Amino acid sequence: MLIVTNSASSELLRQSISRGSPGEVYVHLQPDKFEEGWMFLRVCARNTNGIPIARTDGLTVYAPESQKNLLNGLTIDHYQDLTGGGFLISTPAGAEKSTCGSGFKFIKTNYLT
């Protein structure tokens, strides 16, 4: 199950209400455009195709079924500061965190035989 912090839940709920789909958001990991292996979190207030992967107070988070295992155990957080705000995602084991905090890529290991 995806873990959603209180601050992320509040912001996701606010966005879902303002975009006309109260209590429903869709998240997915989008590959980078340069095919370097990075995947970035994307949040949509309208549910497209997906399965429920997290529920919090008044909010259901949907994601592509194909990404269920990848998102399992990760945490979505939200920060707010003077320059704006954004969503952050935790880094899974064996991955490197992006500098912006909203993505990661798996580290390739080379084994010498």
C-alpha atoms as a PDB file:
ATOM      1  CA  MET A   1       0.000   0.000   0.000  1.00  0.00           C
ATOM      2  CA  LEU A   2       1.138   3.522  -0.789  1.00  0.00           C
ATOM      3  CA  ILE A   3       1.580   5.706   2.299  1.00  0.00           C
ATOM      4  CA  VAL A   4       0.155   9.235   2.136  1.00  0.00           C
ATOM      5  CA  THR A   5       1.255  11.718   4.816  1.00  0.00           C
ATOM      6  CA  ASN A   6      -1.248  14.077   6.433  1.00  0.00           C
ATOM      7  CA  SER A   7       0.123  17.089   4.548  1.00  0.00           C
ATOM      8  CA  ALA A   8      -0.039  15.229   1.209  1.00  0.00           C
ATOM      9  CA  SER A   9      -3.536  13.985   1.969  1.00  0.00           C
ATOM     10  CA  SER A  10      -4.763  17.503   2.717  1.00  0.00           C
ATOM     11  CA  GLU A  11      -3.292  18.915  -0.497  1.00  0.00           C
ATOM     12  CA  LEU A  12      -4.504  16.007  -2.640  1.00  0.00           C
ATOM     13  CA  LEU A  13      -7.999  16.382  -1.207  1.00  0.00           C
ATOM     14  CA  ARG A  14      -7.925  20.144  -1.836  1.00  0.00           C
ATOM     15  CA  GLN A  15      -6.844  19.593  -5.451  1.00  0.00           C
ATOM     16  CA  SER A  16      -9.469  16.914  -6.058  1.00  0.00           C
ATOM     17  CA  ILE A  17     -12.222  19.222  -4.800  1.00  0.00           C
ATOM     18  CA  SER A  18     -11.049  22.207  -6.855  1.00  0.00           C
ATOM     19  CA  ARG A  19     -10.841  20.086 -10.015  1.00  0.00           C
ATOM     20  CA  GLY A  20     -14.272  18.525  -9.712  1.00  0.00           C
ATOM     21  CA  SER A  21     -13.493  15.006  -8.481  1.00  0.00           C
ATOM     22  CA  PRO A  22     -13.834  15.305  -4.684  1.00  0.00           C
ATOM     23  CA  GLY A  23     -11.961  12.597  -2.839  1.00  0.00           C
ATOM     24  CA  GLU A  24     -10.357  10.950  -5.877  1.00  0.00           C
ATOM     25  CA  VAL A  25      -6.842  11.419  -7.248  1.00  0.00           C
ATOM     26  CA  TYR A  26      -4.736   9.445  -9.684  1.00  0.00           C
ATOM     27  CA  VAL A  27      -0.964   9.080  -9.323  1.00  0.00           C
ATOM     28  CA  HIS A  28       1.549   7.439 -11.595  1.00  0.00           C
ATOM     29  CA  LEU A  29       5.272   7.309 -12.228  1.00  0.00           C
ATOM     30  CA  GLN A  30       6.223   8.837 -15.565  1.00  0.00           C
ATOM     31  CA  PRO A  31       9.546   7.976 -17.246  1.00  0.00           C
ATOM     32  CA  ASP A  32      11.867  10.875 -18.078  1.00  0.00           C
ATOM     33  CA  LYS A  33      11.962  12.153 -21.656  1.00  0.00           C
ATOM     34  CA  PHE A  34      15.671  11.480 -22.085  1.00  0.00           C
ATOM     35  CA  GLU A  35      15.374   7.756 -21.299  1.00  0.00           C
ATOM     36  CA  GLU A  36      17.964   7.913 -18.526  1.00  0.00           C
ATOM     37  CA  GLY A  37      15.918   5.675 -16.233  1.00  0.00           C
ATOM     38  CA  TRP A  38      14.366   8.392 -14.067  1.00  0.00           C
ATOM     39  CA  MET A  39      10.717   8.077 -13.044  1.00  0.00           C
ATOM     40  CA  PHE A  40       8.800  11.069 -11.686  1.00  0.00           C
ATOM     41  CA  LEU A  41       5.610  11.236  -9.660  1.00  0.00           C
ATOM     42  CA  ARG A  42       2.620  12.742 -11.444  1.00  0.00           C
ATOM     43  CA  VAL A  43      -0.652  13.602  -9.725  1.00  0.00           C
ATOM     44  CA  CYS A  44      -3.978  14.093 -11.524  1.00  0.00           C
ATOM     45  CA  ALA A  45      -7.141  15.139  -9.762  1.00  0.00           C
ATOM     46  CA  ARG A  46      -9.343  13.127 -12.084  1.00  0.00           C
ATOM     47  CA  ASN A  47      -9.323   9.356 -11.933  1.00  0.00           C
ATOM     48  CA  THR A  48      -8.486   7.884 -15.299  1.00  0.00           C
ATOM     49  CA  ASN A  49      -7.823   4.150 -15.372  1.00  0.00           C
ATOM     50  CA  GLY A  50      -6.442   2.648 -12.223  1.00  0.00           C
ATOM     51  CA  ILE A  51      -6.968   0.684  -9.073  1.00  0.00           C
ATOM     52  CA  PRO A  52      -7.219   2.046  -5.516  1.00  0.00           C
ATOM     53  CA  ILE A  53      -3.819   1.821  -3.808  1.00  0.00           C
ATOM     54  CA  ALA A  54      -4.338   4.068  -0.759  1.00  0.00           C
ATOM     55  CA  ARG A  55      -7.155   5.510   1.297  1.00  0.00           C
ATOM     56  CA  THR A  56      -7.005   8.272   3.865  1.00  0.00           C
ATOM     57  CA  ASP A  57      -9.639  10.491   5.442  1.00  0.00           C
ATOM     58  CA  GLY A  58     -11.989  11.316   2.576  1.00  0.00           C
ATOM     59  CA  LEU A  59      -9.455  10.513  -0.155  1.00  0.00           C
ATOM     60  CA  THR A  60      -8.874   7.520  -2.426  1.00  0.00           C
ATOM     61  CA  VAL A  61      -5.636   7.363  -4.417  1.00  0.00           C
ATOM     62  CA  TYR A  62      -5.681   5.416  -7.684  1.00  0.00           C
ATOM     63  CA  ALA A  63      -2.710   4.242  -9.768  1.00  0.00           C
ATOM     64  CA  PRO A  64      -2.074   2.037 -12.800  1.00  0.00           C
ATOM     65  CA  GLU A  65      -2.277  -1.619 -11.855  1.00  0.00           C
ATOM     66  CA  SER A  66       1.053  -2.136 -13.627  1.00  0.00           C
ATOM     67  CA  GLN A  67       2.749   0.207 -11.070  1.00  0.00           C
ATOM     68  CA  LYS A  68       1.120  -1.258  -7.951  1.00  0.00           C
ATOM     69  CA  ASN A  69       4.207  -3.214  -6.878  1.00  0.00           C
ATOM     70  CA  LEU A  70       6.535  -0.294  -7.605  1.00  0.00           C
ATOM     71  CA  LEU A  71       4.462   2.139  -5.494  1.00  0.00           C
ATOM     72  CA  ASN A  72       3.873  -0.358  -2.678  1.00  0.00           C
ATOM     73  CA  GLY A  73       5.533   0.847   0.528  1.00  0.00           C
ATOM     74  CA  LEU A  74       6.527   4.247  -0.856  1.00  0.00           C
ATOM     75  CA  THR A  75       5.462   7.480   0.842  1.00  0.00           C
ATOM     76  CA  ILE A  76       4.008  10.600  -0.767  1.00  0.00           C
ATOM     77  CA  ASP A  77       4.568  13.827   1.149  1.00  0.00           C
ATOM     78  CA  HIS A  78       3.823  17.461   0.387  1.00  0.00           C
ATOM     79  CA  TYR A  79       5.795  20.580   1.257  1.00  0.00           C
ATOM     80  CA  GLN A  80       4.806  24.225   1.125  1.00  0.00           C
ATOM     81  CA  ASP A  81       7.196  27.182   1.244  1.00  0.00           C
ATOM     82  CA  LEU A  82       7.474  30.756   0.013  1.00  0.00           C
ATOM     83  CA  THR A  83       8.291  29.637  -3.529  1.00  0.00           C
ATOM     84  CA  GLY A  84       5.277  27.339  -3.761  1.00  0.00           C
ATOM     85  CA  GLY A  85       5.095  23.691  -2.942  1.00  0.00           C
ATOM     86  CA  GLY A  86       5.141  20.234  -4.360  1.00  0.00           C
ATOM     87  CA  PHE A  87       4.851  16.532  -3.809  1.00  0.00           C
ATOM     88  CA  LEU A  88       7.780  14.384  -2.774  1.00  0.00           C
ATOM     89  CA  ILE A  89       8.069  10.628  -3.040  1.00  0.00           C
ATOM     90  CA  SER A  90      10.282   8.376  -0.958  1.00  0.00           C
ATOM     91  CA  THR A  91      13.057   6.447  -2.659  1.00  0.00           C
ATOM     92  CA  PRO A  92      12.675   2.669  -2.942  1.00  0.00           C
ATOM     93  CA  ALA A  93      15.502   0.326  -1.984  1.00  0.00           C
ATOM     94  CA  GLY A  94      18.150   0.137  -4.694  1.00  0.00           C
ATOM     95  CA  ALA A  95      17.254   3.522  -6.174  1.00  0.00           C
ATOM     96  CA  GLU A  96      18.764   7.007  -6.298  1.00  0.00           C
ATOM     97  CA  LYS A  97      16.625  10.039  -5.396  1.00  0.00           C
ATOM     98  CA  SER A  98      16.265  12.877  -7.911  1.00  0.00           C
ATOM     99  CA  THR A  99      17.454  16.323  -6.888  1.00  0.00           C
ATOM    100  CA  CYS A 100      13.885  17.662  -6.932  1.00  0.00           C
ATOM    101  CA  GLY A 101      12.618  14.863  -4.670  1.00  0.00           C
ATOM    102  CA  SER A 102       9.716  13.905  -6.889  1.00  0.00           C
ATOM    103  CA  GLY A 103      11.448  11.041  -8.653  1.00  0.00           C
ATOM    104  CA  PHE A 104      14.043   8.309  -8.574  1.00  0.00           C
ATOM    105  CA  LYS A 105      15.905   5.819 -10.733  1.00  0.00           C
ATOM    106  CA  PHE A 106      17.151   2.383  -9.931  1.00  0.00           C
ATOM    107  CA  ILE A 107      20.900   2.047  -9.580  1.00  0.00           C
ATOM    108  CA  LYS A 108      22.453  -0.407 -11.960  1.00  0.00           C
ATOM    109  CA  THR A 109      25.058  -2.600 -10.340  1.00  0.00           C
ATOM    110  CA  ASN A 110      27.829  -4.228 -12.280  1.00  0.00           C
ATOM    111  CA  TYR A 111      28.933  -7.574 -11.007  1.00  0.00           C
ATOM    112  CA  LEU A 112      32.407  -8.760 -11.883  1.00  0.00           C
ATOM    113  CA  THR A 113      32.722 -12.482 -12.461  1.00  0.00           C
END
